[in-house]
Every structure is written in C-alpha cells, then in structure tokens.
Amino acid sequence: MPKVSGDWIKRLAAVIVIPVLSACAGSSGMAEIERPSPEAMARTALGTITAEDIAREIDALAHDSMAGRDTPSPGLEAAASYIAERFRSMGLEPAGENGTYIDRFEWEQSTFSRSGVAFRVQGQGGAELEYSRDFFLIPGSQPVSGEGFYLGIAGEDNPTEDHRGKVVFLDNPVPELNQEFQERITGALMGAMSSGIAGLVLILGPEFPAENVPQISAMGAEQQAPIPLLGMTSDAAGRLMGDAGHGLGALRAAEGPTALGATMEIEWSREVQIHTPPNVVGILPGSDPALRDTYVVLTAHFDHVGIGAPDATGDSIYNGADDNASGTAGVLEVAEAFASLPEAPARSVIFLAVSGEEKGLLGAMAYVEDPPVIDIQNVVTNVNLDMIGRLAPDTIIGIGQEYSSLQAVLDEIQEHHPELGLSVILDPVPEERYFFRSDQLPFIQQGIPAVFFTTADHEDYHRPSDEAAKIDSDKAARVSRLAFLLAYHVAQDPNAPAWTEEGWAQVEELLRQSIF
C-alpha cells in the first residue's frame, strides 16, 4: 500500500530545527562528556562535500577511458569497480550479492544487423531506402506490416481514435534534436500505443540535419520501443509515398487523415544475447534498533550511451559528464558525508548506483524487484540525482516534491540553510512527466515517496560535447549538500515521509499513463 497521509505538518528532524544540546551534570556531580547535536554533526559532514571532490569524481567517471559507460561494456564495468572501491574506502557495508558491493541483474539484449533492416511498401522496391541514411529505427518486440495511414502533424494530430494494426505516418517538422522534437515524439508514441497502432513513422522536416539520422540509428539500434518507431527523411518519405501512389505534398494538403491503400512493412533480423550488468550498492546501518531496518535510498545511474556517431570535431565518445557522472558523483559525496558522521542516523541509508538507465531504467527496475539484503517494503524514501551539474547556478528542480511531505522538508532546508544558494523549484515542464522517466520510477511504483533532483536537458544532452570541463562543480556540490540534508532529515525522523491524498491520486493517474 502507498504511504499516504493528508497531514502536511511533519515533525522536523535534528538537522533542521533542533538546537545544540548543552552539557549536563550526572548524578555523581561530574560533568558528562558533551556530545555534538545531530545538527552540529550534520553541518560538519556537509563540509566533506566540496566542489573539488565532485570535480575529481566526475573526471574519473567521464574520462575517455570509460568509453561512455554503455550498458553493457568494459567501461561500465570499470566505472562499477571505481564506485565499489569508493564505497569500500568510506567504510560502507556491502549491500550487493554474496557480501560484495556488486548486484548484477539479467538483461536480454536484442539487437539487429544493418543488413536485416528494411522499410518498404509491400510488393514494391522502387524506393530502395537505406537504413541509417534514409531512416532510423527503434525496434519493437517484432517486425510488423499494416495498412499505411497518413494522419498529419505530430503534436497536433496525434492518434486519438482506434487505428489498430495500422502503420501511421506523422510529420515532425521540428528541424533539430531539441526538447520540442522529443515532446512531439513522446506525445505521438503515447497516442499510438493507446490507439493500437502497429508501427509509428515520423517524417522529418526537410531542414533536419542528415547527420542526425545515423546518430539516432546508432543509439536506437540496441533499444526497444513498445511499438516500432521509425523516423525518415522528407526526401525518403516522398519516394516511399510515390511507391504507394501518393504525393507527399498532396497528403499534407488534404483535409483530414488519409488511408494510403498500401501495406507498409517494417522488418529487422534480431539476435538475442544475455548480459548481467552491474548495480553497485553500499549501506550505512542505522543506529536506532527500532528504525535501522527501515531505509532511505539515494540513487543515480552511472551508465551512459557509449560510443556513437562522431560530431563535427570527430569526437565519438559520449562521456556523459552531466548525464550522469554528475549525479553519481553526488551520491558518492553524500555517501562520504554520511560515513564521516560520528554516529549514524536512526534509519539505515543505502547508496545505489544503477546501470541500464539509458536502456529503459533496467538497473533500478531490477533492484526494486529483487533487492539484496533488504525488504523493499521497508524503504521510506528515494532521493534520485540525475544531471545536477549544469544550467542556472542558483536553481535545482525538485521533481515530484509537491506530491508528498518531502516538499515541506525541502522548504525548511532552504529556510535554514541559505548558504546552499539554491532555490528548489517545481518541475517547469510537468507535461514532460520527468517524475516517471528516471530511476525514482520503480520506487514510486512501490508506493515509496520520492524526489528527483535535476537541472533537466541542455544543448549537450546525449552528445559527445557533454564533457567534464563544462560541469559547474560548485553547483553540483551544493545540490549534493541539499540531498544530504534531505536524506539525513528523513533518516533521523521517526515519522516516515508520506504522500498527500491529492498527491497520490495524481501520481496514480500518471503511473497509469507511463510507458514503463
């Protein structure tokens, strides 16, 4: 059952409002040893989180030697070993398999060969479309064929009626890989799924850069969509429609959707391999016998997208410094701060670095489904860090905070810790549904309150230019301190965070719409 409460008034823990304790006299009349207050301990621990340390962690994880940390890859394994050694050096207890920090999960990877990919009008071959030049493909579970149907413009004419079994075409006129481009794809895909469409084809605008097609092909070849998702150049679409007996211009000028009167085939050959990528897990056991079997979990994904199409400079390594070496570095620094405490907090704290996020939240899903050491039902909060090192230096987005009592805690932290220099804002683009698109999602699906700290996308997102040199390490350090304070509060407070009644109702509705 989800942890739901209609009461927003939460008893705030020592890190925020408890005053410093003074020494007192024992019955013998001798002064007892003065113990630092929880607030004093927390402030001392905060000092271990520095911009210099964050920069060092990011440099290591986003180094060219890690080759973009694809799932699976030798670079991913090297990054996992690095994180595990950092946990060991801090004195955290292993919380993976067989007394180690590593928790592997099984992933069935399905890939296809370039020679086996085809897109054509059934019975016609005149267009001779070439994969990775004329079109990219993110495959579904199996090849499809279905009646072609031109619907209009993605984002304006997304499928709303039953188009079961059809291959639907939509124009995506946005000329670059930006947020609007992705919004149109997301909206079209969600509409296609609810309409029973067999395959979705996006016709790229004539100004869309040709070099982006092989780039998307390289990244999409090892991924899987709920249904086949294909993007083709405007020129290739014109040739394909010619095979079907239509002019692309006439279709666009027509009033309303148009059945093409031809069957479209999307094919690929598939090879299946079984991989066992690593998650990395460390734990700081709690100090309260009544609460130590409850857990605060901090997460970040340490994988990225590996090596792909080179950019204009010839760089083909997608280092993922912000996405998500920054969040992983943040978790490492928060872990070090907790490990430095003279006394552990009441609840246990788990530090979880997951892989496979870029393939569909694989590592987080696997961990929540079968966590070593702990019972997932005893997790009271998840704090997720994903891309925390760029954009406005005085702002961080706390996605999902408004759905639970965590918002009140964050408000108090900002009030009592102005030295953080951070405004924790609500999601500025809630329609993007980021709360349901990163590693906090599996925890939310278990009814666990969560918050997702991020700065959101920027121009270097999923590009070779996402380099360590562009990270604002001072901001990343301050976001990490914020995450520490939030986690420490929850770990000290005997009252677990709770969804608000209205918040959980909204979350339930949005979960029903999630593609995961």
Protein backbone atom coordinates (compact mmCIF):
# COMPACT_ATOMS: atom_id res chain seq x y z
CA MET A 1 0.00 0.00 0.00
CA PRO A 2 1.26 3.51 -0.70
CA LYS A 3 2.31 5.60 2.24
CA VAL A 4 -0.49 8.20 2.19
CA SER A 5 -1.24 10.94 4.67
CA GLY A 6 -3.40 14.02 4.48
CA ASP A 7 -1.32 15.75 7.16
CA TRP A 8 1.36 18.10 5.78
CA ILE A 9 2.59 19.02 9.25
CA LYS A 10 5.68 16.87 9.82
CA ARG A 11 7.91 16.88 12.84
CA LEU A 12 11.21 18.22 11.52
CA ALA A 13 14.35 16.34 12.50
CA ALA A 14 17.52 17.49 14.16
CA VAL A 15 19.32 18.62 11.04
CA ILE A 16 16.87 21.47 10.58
CA VAL A 17 15.44 22.80 13.81
CA ILE A 18 16.81 21.02 16.91
CA PRO A 19 19.04 23.38 18.93
CA VAL A 20 22.52 22.46 20.05
CA LEU A 21 22.46 20.39 23.24
CA SER A 22 24.39 21.65 26.24
CA ALA A 23 26.41 19.50 28.59
CA CYS A 24 24.62 18.35 31.68
CA ALA A 25 25.70 17.04 35.12
CA GLY A 26 25.25 13.40 36.07
CA SER A 27 24.13 12.10 39.43
CA SER A 28 27.73 11.90 40.59
CA GLY A 29 28.12 15.63 40.11
CA MET A 30 30.82 15.15 37.48
CA ALA A 31 30.15 16.71 34.08
CA GLU A 32 29.25 14.20 31.37
CA ILE A 33 31.13 14.27 28.07
CA GLU A 34 29.49 16.78 25.79
CA ARG A 35 28.04 15.16 22.68
CA PRO A 36 27.60 17.12 19.49
CA SER A 37 23.99 17.63 18.48
CA PRO A 38 22.66 15.94 15.34
CA GLU A 39 22.57 19.39 13.71
CA ALA A 40 26.22 20.01 14.55
CA MET A 41 27.20 16.60 13.21
CA ALA A 42 25.28 17.27 10.01
CA ARG A 43 26.93 20.64 9.48
CA THR A 44 30.38 19.09 9.96
CA ALA A 45 29.54 16.31 7.50
CA LEU A 46 28.39 18.91 4.95
CA GLY A 47 31.93 20.24 4.89
CA THR A 48 33.19 17.00 3.34
CA ILE A 49 31.18 17.69 0.17
CA THR A 50 33.34 20.00 -1.91
CA ALA A 51 33.44 21.22 -5.48
CA GLU A 52 36.97 19.86 -5.81
CA ASP A 53 35.87 16.36 -4.78
CA ILE A 54 32.86 16.45 -7.09
CA ALA A 55 35.10 17.50 -9.99
CA ARG A 56 37.54 14.66 -9.26
CA GLU A 57 34.75 12.06 -9.22
CA ILE A 58 33.25 13.36 -12.47
CA ASP A 59 36.66 13.47 -14.17
CA ALA A 60 37.17 9.80 -13.29
CA LEU A 61 33.72 8.59 -14.37
CA ALA A 62 33.53 10.70 -17.55
CA HIS A 63 37.12 10.02 -18.65
CA ASP A 64 37.63 8.82 -22.23
CA SER A 65 38.97 5.54 -20.82
CA MET A 66 35.42 4.72 -19.65
CA ALA A 67 34.31 4.91 -23.32
CA GLY A 68 30.91 6.36 -22.48
CA ARG A 69 29.91 3.65 -19.95
CA ASP A 70 27.43 1.89 -22.24
CA THR A 71 25.33 -0.97 -20.87
CA PRO A 72 26.99 -3.46 -21.21
CA SER A 73 30.63 -2.55 -21.85
CA PRO A 74 34.11 -2.77 -20.33
CA GLY A 75 33.81 0.93 -19.50
CA LEU A 76 30.68 0.26 -17.46
CA GLU A 77 32.48 -2.49 -15.55
CA ALA A 78 35.42 -0.16 -14.88
CA ALA A 79 33.04 2.50 -13.56
CA ALA A 80 31.34 -0.07 -11.31
CA SER A 81 34.70 -1.12 -9.89
CA TYR A 82 35.58 2.52 -9.25
CA ILE A 83 32.32 3.14 -7.37
CA ALA A 84 32.64 -0.09 -5.36
CA GLU A 85 36.17 0.85 -4.30
CA ARG A 86 34.99 4.29 -3.24
CA PHE A 87 32.27 2.71 -1.08
CA ARG A 88 34.83 0.32 0.42
CA SER A 89 37.23 3.17 1.22
CA MET A 90 34.46 5.01 3.08
CA GLY A 91 33.75 2.01 5.27
CA LEU A 92 30.24 1.42 3.97
CA GLU A 93 28.99 -2.13 4.32
CA PRO A 94 28.49 -4.06 1.06
CA ALA A 95 24.82 -4.47 0.16
CA GLY A 96 25.11 -6.40 -3.10
CA GLU A 97 25.37 -10.11 -3.83
CA ASN A 98 27.40 -12.54 -1.74
CA GLY A 99 28.84 -9.94 0.58
CA THR A 100 30.06 -7.67 -2.25
CA TYR A 101 29.09 -4.20 -3.43
CA ILE A 102 28.01 -5.55 -6.84
CA ASP A 103 24.42 -6.57 -7.59
CA ARG A 104 24.09 -7.97 -11.11
CA PHE A 105 20.83 -8.33 -12.99
CA GLU A 106 19.98 -10.33 -16.08
CA TRP A 107 19.20 -8.41 -19.24
CA GLU A 108 18.17 -9.97 -22.52
CA GLN A 109 19.61 -7.66 -25.15
CA SER A 110 18.07 -7.81 -28.58
CA THR A 111 19.98 -6.23 -31.45
CA PHE A 112 19.59 -6.26 -35.20
CA SER A 113 22.05 -6.16 -38.06
CA ARG A 114 22.07 -3.32 -40.55
CA SER A 115 21.59 -5.73 -43.43
CA GLY A 116 18.39 -7.09 -41.92
CA VAL A 117 16.58 -3.75 -41.59
CA ALA A 118 14.01 -2.84 -44.23
CA PHE A 119 11.15 -0.40 -44.68
CA ARG A 120 9.06 -0.62 -47.83
CA VAL A 121 5.68 -0.74 -49.48
CA GLN A 122 4.67 -4.39 -49.71
CA GLY A 123 5.35 -5.70 -53.19
CA GLN A 124 7.28 -2.58 -54.23
CA GLY A 125 11.02 -1.99 -54.20
CA GLY A 126 11.45 1.17 -56.17
CA ALA A 127 12.26 3.42 -53.21
CA GLU A 128 15.33 1.39 -52.13
CA LEU A 129 15.51 3.08 -48.75
CA GLU A 130 18.76 2.67 -46.84
CA TYR A 131 18.77 2.21 -43.08
CA SER A 132 20.85 4.82 -41.17
CA ARG A 133 20.88 7.12 -44.20
CA ASP A 134 17.22 7.48 -45.17
CA PHE A 135 15.69 6.38 -41.88
CA PHE A 136 16.42 5.34 -38.32
CA LEU A 137 14.57 2.62 -36.42
CA ILE A 138 13.96 1.87 -32.77
CA PRO A 139 12.50 -1.64 -33.00
CA GLY A 140 9.51 -3.01 -31.16
CA SER A 141 9.05 -6.57 -29.99
CA GLN A 142 8.63 -7.93 -33.53
CA PRO A 143 8.55 -6.82 -37.18
CA VAL A 144 5.20 -5.51 -38.42
CA SER A 145 3.16 -4.95 -41.53
CA GLY A 146 -0.03 -2.95 -41.76
CA GLU A 147 -2.08 -0.58 -43.84
CA GLY A 148 -0.40 2.80 -44.23
CA PHE A 149 -2.24 5.79 -42.87
CA TYR A 150 -1.15 9.45 -43.01
CA LEU A 151 -2.51 11.32 -40.02
CA GLY A 152 -0.98 14.82 -40.03
CA ILE A 153 1.50 16.61 -37.74
CA ALA A 154 2.95 15.08 -34.57
CA GLY A 155 1.91 17.15 -31.59
CA GLU A 156 -1.17 18.45 -33.39
CA ASP A 157 -2.78 15.37 -34.94
CA ASN A 158 -1.60 12.63 -32.59
CA PRO A 159 -3.65 9.43 -32.76
CA THR A 160 -6.78 9.59 -30.63
CA GLU A 161 -9.03 7.06 -32.40
CA ASP A 162 -8.66 3.32 -32.86
CA HIS A 163 -6.08 2.67 -35.61
CA ARG A 164 -5.46 -0.91 -34.63
CA GLY A 165 -2.93 -2.71 -36.81
CA LYS A 166 -2.09 0.32 -38.98
CA VAL A 167 1.31 1.85 -39.72
CA VAL A 168 0.73 5.54 -39.09
CA PHE A 169 2.73 8.41 -40.60
CA LEU A 170 3.08 11.78 -38.86
CA ASP A 171 5.16 14.81 -39.83
CA ASN A 172 7.65 16.05 -37.26
CA PRO A 173 8.58 19.47 -38.71
CA VAL A 174 11.00 20.46 -35.93
CA PRO A 175 14.39 20.95 -37.65
CA GLU A 176 16.67 19.83 -34.78
CA LEU A 177 17.02 17.39 -31.90
CA ASN A 178 15.65 19.66 -29.21
CA GLN A 179 13.03 19.49 -26.48
CA GLU A 180 10.15 20.24 -28.86
CA PHE A 181 11.32 17.44 -31.18
CA GLN A 182 11.25 14.99 -28.26
CA GLU A 183 7.90 16.28 -26.99
CA ARG A 184 6.30 15.62 -30.35
CA ILE A 185 7.72 12.09 -30.47
CA THR A 186 6.61 11.31 -26.90
CA GLY A 187 3.09 12.57 -27.49
CA ALA A 188 2.78 10.69 -30.79
CA LEU A 189 4.10 7.46 -29.29
CA MET A 190 1.73 7.58 -26.31
CA GLY A 191 -1.20 8.26 -28.65
CA ALA A 192 -0.10 5.43 -30.93
CA MET A 193 0.04 2.94 -28.06
CA SER A 194 -3.43 3.84 -26.80
CA SER A 195 -4.81 3.60 -30.37
CA GLY A 196 -3.49 0.11 -31.07
CA ILE A 197 -1.16 1.23 -33.87
CA ALA A 198 1.25 -1.42 -35.19
CA GLY A 199 4.05 0.98 -36.13
CA LEU A 200 4.74 4.72 -35.98
CA VAL A 201 6.64 6.58 -38.71
CA LEU A 202 7.77 10.17 -38.24
CA ILE A 203 8.57 12.16 -41.36
CA LEU A 204 11.46 14.50 -40.57
CA GLY A 205 11.42 18.06 -41.85
CA PRO A 206 13.49 18.99 -44.91
CA GLU A 207 15.84 21.08 -42.70
CA PHE A 208 16.51 18.24 -40.24
CA PRO A 209 20.31 17.61 -40.29
CA ALA A 210 21.15 14.49 -42.29
CA GLU A 211 24.00 13.60 -39.88
CA ASN A 212 21.49 13.13 -37.06
CA VAL A 213 19.91 10.11 -38.74
CA PRO A 214 22.96 7.82 -38.33
CA GLN A 215 23.47 9.27 -34.83
CA ILE A 216 19.97 8.27 -33.76
CA SER A 217 20.37 4.93 -35.56
CA ALA A 218 23.49 4.13 -33.55
CA MET A 219 21.80 4.93 -30.26
CA GLY A 220 18.46 3.33 -31.12
CA ALA A 221 19.68 0.03 -32.56
CA GLU A 222 20.06 -1.61 -29.15
CA GLN A 223 16.93 -0.10 -27.65
CA GLN A 224 13.35 -1.30 -27.84
CA ALA A 225 10.18 0.75 -28.06
CA PRO A 226 6.68 -0.51 -27.23
CA ILE A 227 5.99 -0.50 -30.98
CA PRO A 228 8.44 0.06 -33.87
CA LEU A 229 9.32 3.76 -34.04
CA LEU A 230 10.82 4.90 -37.34
CA GLY A 231 12.00 8.33 -38.45
CA MET A 232 12.65 9.02 -42.13
CA THR A 233 13.93 11.97 -44.09
CA SER A 234 11.47 14.09 -46.03
CA ASP A 235 13.10 13.05 -49.31
CA ALA A 236 12.85 9.34 -48.48
CA ALA A 237 9.21 9.79 -47.45
CA GLY A 238 8.46 11.35 -50.82
CA ARG A 239 9.96 8.33 -52.62
CA LEU A 240 8.11 5.85 -50.39
CA MET A 241 4.77 7.60 -50.89
CA GLY A 242 5.42 7.53 -54.60
CA ASP A 243 5.63 3.74 -54.40
CA ALA A 244 2.24 3.81 -52.66
CA GLY A 245 0.76 6.02 -55.38
CA HIS A 246 0.64 9.27 -53.45
CA GLY A 247 2.39 12.62 -53.48
CA LEU A 248 3.66 13.73 -50.09
CA GLY A 249 2.61 17.32 -50.76
CA ALA A 250 -0.92 16.23 -51.65
CA LEU A 251 -1.19 14.21 -48.44
CA ARG A 252 -0.14 17.21 -46.40
CA ALA A 253 -2.62 19.45 -48.20
CA ALA A 254 -5.55 17.05 -47.79
CA GLU A 255 -8.23 17.77 -45.22
CA GLY A 256 -8.07 15.11 -42.54
CA PRO A 257 -6.33 11.72 -42.34
CA THR A 258 -5.71 9.71 -45.49
CA ALA A 259 -5.59 5.93 -45.93
CA LEU A 260 -2.70 5.12 -48.28
CA GLY A 261 -4.28 1.97 -49.72
CA ALA A 262 -0.99 0.10 -49.41
CA THR A 263 0.60 -2.19 -46.85
CA MET A 264 3.80 -0.99 -45.19
CA GLU A 265 6.42 -3.43 -43.95
CA ILE A 266 8.96 -2.74 -41.19
CA GLU A 267 11.43 -5.60 -40.81
CA TRP A 268 14.63 -6.41 -38.98
CA SER A 269 16.57 -9.51 -38.05
CA ARG A 270 17.25 -9.98 -34.38
CA GLU A 271 19.99 -11.51 -32.29
CA VAL A 272 19.47 -12.13 -28.58
CA GLN A 273 22.25 -12.05 -26.01
CA ILE A 274 22.02 -12.43 -22.24
CA HIS A 275 24.02 -9.89 -20.21
CA THR A 276 24.45 -9.36 -16.48
CA PRO A 277 25.23 -5.64 -15.97
CA PRO A 278 26.18 -4.36 -12.51
CA ASN A 279 24.48 -2.17 -9.98
CA VAL A 280 26.67 -1.02 -7.08
CA VAL A 281 25.22 -0.89 -3.54
CA GLY A 282 26.61 0.23 -0.19
CA ILE A 283 24.81 0.69 3.11
CA LEU A 284 25.35 2.68 6.30
CA PRO A 285 23.43 0.77 9.02
CA GLY A 286 21.21 2.89 11.22
CA SER A 287 21.84 3.45 14.92
CA ASP A 288 18.28 3.11 16.26
CA PRO A 289 17.26 -0.52 16.95
CA ALA A 290 13.64 0.35 16.18
CA LEU A 291 14.40 2.12 12.87
CA ARG A 292 17.57 0.57 11.48
CA ASP A 293 15.56 -1.90 9.38
CA THR A 294 13.96 0.98 7.51
CA TYR A 295 15.84 2.67 4.70
CA VAL A 296 16.49 5.89 2.86
CA VAL A 297 17.79 5.12 -0.65
CA LEU A 298 19.87 7.56 -2.69
CA THR A 299 20.17 6.67 -6.38
CA ALA A 300 21.99 7.77 -9.51
CA HIS A 301 22.61 5.96 -12.77
CA PHE A 302 26.27 5.66 -13.74
CA ASP A 303 25.76 4.37 -17.30
CA HIS A 304 25.59 6.49 -20.44
CA VAL A 305 25.30 5.72 -24.17
CA GLY A 306 28.85 4.67 -25.06
CA ILE A 307 30.46 5.37 -28.42
CA GLY A 308 28.39 6.61 -31.34
CA ALA A 309 28.41 8.79 -34.41
CA PRO A 310 31.20 11.41 -34.30
CA ASP A 311 30.36 15.08 -34.03
CA ALA A 312 31.83 17.86 -36.16
CA THR A 313 35.10 17.68 -34.17
CA GLY A 314 35.46 13.95 -34.76
CA ASP A 315 34.70 13.08 -31.14
CA SER A 316 32.69 9.83 -30.92
CA ILE A 317 32.85 9.19 -27.15
CA TYR A 318 29.66 10.18 -25.37
CA ASN A 319 31.26 10.82 -21.98
CA GLY A 320 28.05 11.69 -20.13
CA ALA A 321 29.70 14.06 -17.66
CA ASP A 322 26.40 15.62 -16.64
CA ASP A 323 24.30 12.60 -17.64
CA ASN A 324 25.02 11.11 -15.24
CA ALA A 325 28.55 11.21 -13.88
CA SER A 326 27.38 14.33 -12.03
CA GLY A 327 24.59 12.56 -10.17
CA THR A 328 26.81 9.56 -9.45
CA ALA A 329 29.50 11.85 -8.06
CA GLY A 330 26.80 13.46 -5.94
CA VAL A 331 25.79 10.11 -4.46
CA LEU A 332 29.45 9.29 -3.74
CA GLU A 333 29.93 12.62 -1.96
CA VAL A 334 26.73 12.21 0.04
CA ALA A 335 27.87 8.71 1.00
CA GLU A 336 31.20 10.10 2.19
CA ALA A 337 29.40 12.73 4.25
CA PHE A 338 27.23 10.10 5.94
CA ALA A 339 30.25 7.87 6.54
CA SER A 340 32.02 10.76 8.29
CA LEU A 341 29.31 11.13 10.95
CA PRO A 342 30.45 10.20 14.47
CA GLU A 343 27.09 8.48 14.91
CA ALA A 344 24.95 7.03 12.14
CA PRO A 345 21.40 8.33 11.79
CA ALA A 346 18.47 6.37 13.17
CA ARG A 347 17.49 4.75 9.87
CA SER A 348 19.85 2.94 7.54
CA VAL A 349 20.94 4.71 4.37
CA ILE A 350 21.52 2.88 1.08
CA PHE A 351 23.66 4.29 -1.72
CA LEU A 352 22.66 2.74 -5.03
CA ALA A 353 24.43 3.37 -8.35
CA VAL A 354 22.44 1.72 -11.13
CA SER A 355 23.24 0.88 -14.73
CA GLY A 356 20.95 0.40 -17.73
CA GLU A 357 19.01 3.62 -17.16
CA GLU A 358 19.61 4.64 -20.76
CA LYS A 359 18.18 1.29 -21.91
CA GLY A 360 14.93 1.76 -20.01
CA LEU A 361 15.59 2.04 -16.24
CA LEU A 362 16.85 -1.56 -16.26
CA GLY A 363 19.07 -1.47 -13.17
CA ALA A 364 16.62 0.41 -10.95
CA MET A 365 13.76 -1.84 -12.03
CA ALA A 366 15.81 -4.96 -11.29
CA TYR A 367 16.94 -3.70 -7.88
CA VAL A 368 13.45 -2.80 -6.70
CA GLU A 369 12.10 -6.12 -7.94
CA ASP A 370 14.70 -8.18 -6.06
CA PRO A 371 16.96 -6.16 -3.74
CA PRO A 372 19.76 -7.96 -1.89
CA VAL A 373 19.94 -7.58 1.89
CA ILE A 374 16.74 -5.53 2.40
CA ASP A 375 12.97 -5.74 2.06
CA ILE A 376 11.87 -3.11 -0.47
CA GLN A 377 8.70 -2.50 1.56
CA ASN A 378 10.88 -1.05 4.33
CA VAL A 379 12.21 1.75 2.10
CA VAL A 380 10.64 5.02 3.24
CA THR A 381 12.09 7.45 0.66
CA ASN A 382 14.07 7.57 -2.56
CA VAL A 383 16.23 10.59 -3.43
CA ASN A 384 17.41 10.42 -7.05
CA LEU A 385 20.17 12.56 -8.63
CA ASP A 386 20.29 12.72 -12.42
CA MET A 387 22.07 15.61 -14.18
CA ILE A 388 22.93 18.11 -11.44
CA GLY A 389 25.92 19.99 -12.84
CA ARG A 390 24.73 22.48 -15.44
CA LEU A 391 22.49 25.48 -16.13
CA ALA A 392 21.37 28.12 -13.58
CA PRO A 393 23.83 28.07 -10.64
CA ASP A 394 21.17 29.12 -8.12
CA THR A 395 18.37 26.72 -9.13
CA ILE A 396 17.66 23.00 -8.94
CA ILE A 397 14.43 21.27 -9.90
CA GLY A 398 12.94 19.06 -7.18
CA ILE A 399 10.66 16.97 -9.36
CA GLY A 400 7.84 15.25 -7.50
CA GLN A 401 8.27 17.15 -4.24
CA GLU A 402 4.73 18.53 -4.40
CA TYR A 403 3.15 15.09 -4.16
CA SER A 404 4.39 14.32 -0.65
CA SER A 405 5.50 15.72 2.69
CA LEU A 406 9.04 15.99 1.25
CA GLN A 407 8.10 19.43 -0.08
CA ALA A 408 7.68 20.78 3.44
CA VAL A 409 11.07 19.37 4.41
CA LEU A 410 12.74 20.98 1.41
CA ASP A 411 11.11 24.30 2.26
CA GLU A 412 12.57 24.11 5.77
CA ILE A 413 16.01 23.18 4.49
CA GLN A 414 16.06 26.20 2.18
CA GLU A 415 14.99 28.45 5.04
CA HIS A 416 17.59 27.18 7.50
CA HIS A 417 20.45 26.71 5.02
CA PRO A 418 20.66 29.84 2.87
CA GLU A 419 24.37 29.11 2.40
CA LEU A 420 23.36 26.46 -0.15
CA GLY A 421 22.41 29.29 -2.51
CA LEU A 422 19.75 27.12 -4.12
CA SER A 423 16.12 27.62 -4.98
CA VAL A 424 14.39 24.25 -5.23
CA ILE A 425 11.68 24.77 -7.83
CA LEU A 426 8.81 22.64 -9.08
CA ASP A 427 9.01 20.92 -12.45
CA PRO A 428 8.76 23.75 -15.01
CA VAL A 429 7.55 21.33 -17.73
CA PRO A 430 5.19 18.89 -15.95
CA GLU A 431 3.82 17.78 -19.30
CA GLU A 432 7.18 16.07 -19.92
CA ARG A 433 6.45 13.76 -16.94
CA TYR A 434 10.07 13.56 -15.84
CA PHE A 435 8.93 12.19 -12.48
CA PHE A 436 8.10 8.97 -14.31
CA ARG A 437 11.18 8.82 -16.54
CA SER A 438 14.21 8.30 -14.30
CA ASP A 439 15.37 5.85 -11.64
CA GLN A 440 12.89 7.01 -8.99
CA LEU A 441 10.05 5.45 -11.02
CA PRO A 442 10.38 1.85 -9.73
CA PHE A 443 10.28 3.17 -6.16
CA ILE A 444 7.20 5.27 -6.92
CA GLN A 445 5.53 2.20 -8.38
CA GLN A 446 6.03 0.56 -4.98
CA GLY A 447 4.26 3.48 -3.28
CA ILE A 448 7.51 4.97 -1.93
CA PRO A 449 7.64 8.81 -1.76
CA ALA A 450 10.49 10.19 -3.87
CA VAL A 451 12.08 13.36 -5.14
CA PHE A 452 14.19 13.72 -8.28
CA PHE A 453 16.87 16.44 -8.33
CA THR A 454 17.86 17.55 -11.83
CA THR A 455 18.72 20.59 -13.90
CA ALA A 456 16.98 19.00 -16.93
CA ASP A 457 18.22 18.87 -20.53
CA HIS A 458 20.70 21.20 -22.21
CA GLU A 459 22.37 21.53 -25.61
CA ASP A 460 24.98 18.86 -24.82
CA TYR A 461 22.44 16.22 -23.75
CA HIS A 462 23.37 12.84 -25.29
CA ARG A 463 26.16 14.39 -27.34
CA PRO A 464 29.94 13.91 -27.27
CA SER A 465 30.14 17.51 -26.01
CA ASP A 466 28.78 16.50 -22.57
CA GLU A 467 32.29 16.81 -21.14
CA ALA A 468 33.61 17.21 -17.61
CA ALA A 469 35.07 20.64 -18.44
CA LYS A 470 31.54 22.04 -18.81
CA ILE A 471 30.35 20.98 -15.35
CA ASP A 472 29.65 23.60 -12.69
CA SER A 473 31.20 21.56 -9.88
CA ASP A 474 30.31 24.18 -7.28
CA LYS A 475 26.63 23.85 -8.14
CA ALA A 476 26.87 20.04 -8.17
CA ALA A 477 28.44 20.16 -4.70
CA ARG A 478 25.67 22.41 -3.36
CA VAL A 479 22.98 20.14 -4.82
CA SER A 480 24.74 17.19 -3.18
CA ARG A 481 24.68 19.01 0.17
CA LEU A 482 20.95 19.57 -0.31
CA ALA A 483 20.48 15.86 -0.99
CA PHE A 484 22.49 15.02 2.13
CA LEU A 485 20.36 17.31 4.31
CA LEU A 486 17.13 15.84 2.94
CA ALA A 487 18.30 12.26 3.36
CA TYR A 488 19.66 12.98 6.85
CA HIS A 489 16.37 14.53 7.92
CA VAL A 490 14.38 11.51 6.74
CA ALA A 491 16.89 9.12 8.30
CA GLN A 492 16.56 10.86 11.69
CA ASP A 493 12.82 11.47 11.76
CA PRO A 494 10.75 8.64 13.32
CA ASN A 495 7.84 9.76 11.13
CA ALA A 496 8.35 8.47 7.59
CA PRO A 497 7.55 10.73 4.63
CA ALA A 498 4.05 10.35 3.23
CA TRP A 499 2.18 11.14 0.05
CA THR A 500 -0.57 13.70 0.37
CA GLU A 501 -4.04 12.39 -0.51
CA GLU A 502 -4.26 14.65 -3.54
CA GLY A 503 -0.64 13.97 -4.50
CA TRP A 504 -1.02 10.20 -4.50
CA ALA A 505 -4.21 10.44 -6.56
CA GLN A 506 -2.31 12.43 -9.19
CA VAL A 507 0.64 10.03 -9.09
CA GLU A 508 -1.62 7.01 -9.54
CA GLU A 509 -3.22 8.60 -12.58
CA LEU A 510 0.16 9.47 -14.12
CA LEU A 511 1.52 5.99 -13.40
CA ARG A 512 -1.30 4.54 -15.49
CA GLN A 513 -0.05 6.62 -18.42
CA SER A 514 3.63 5.66 -18.08
CA ILE A 515 5.16 3.63 -20.92
CA PHE A 516 7.33 1.66 -18.44
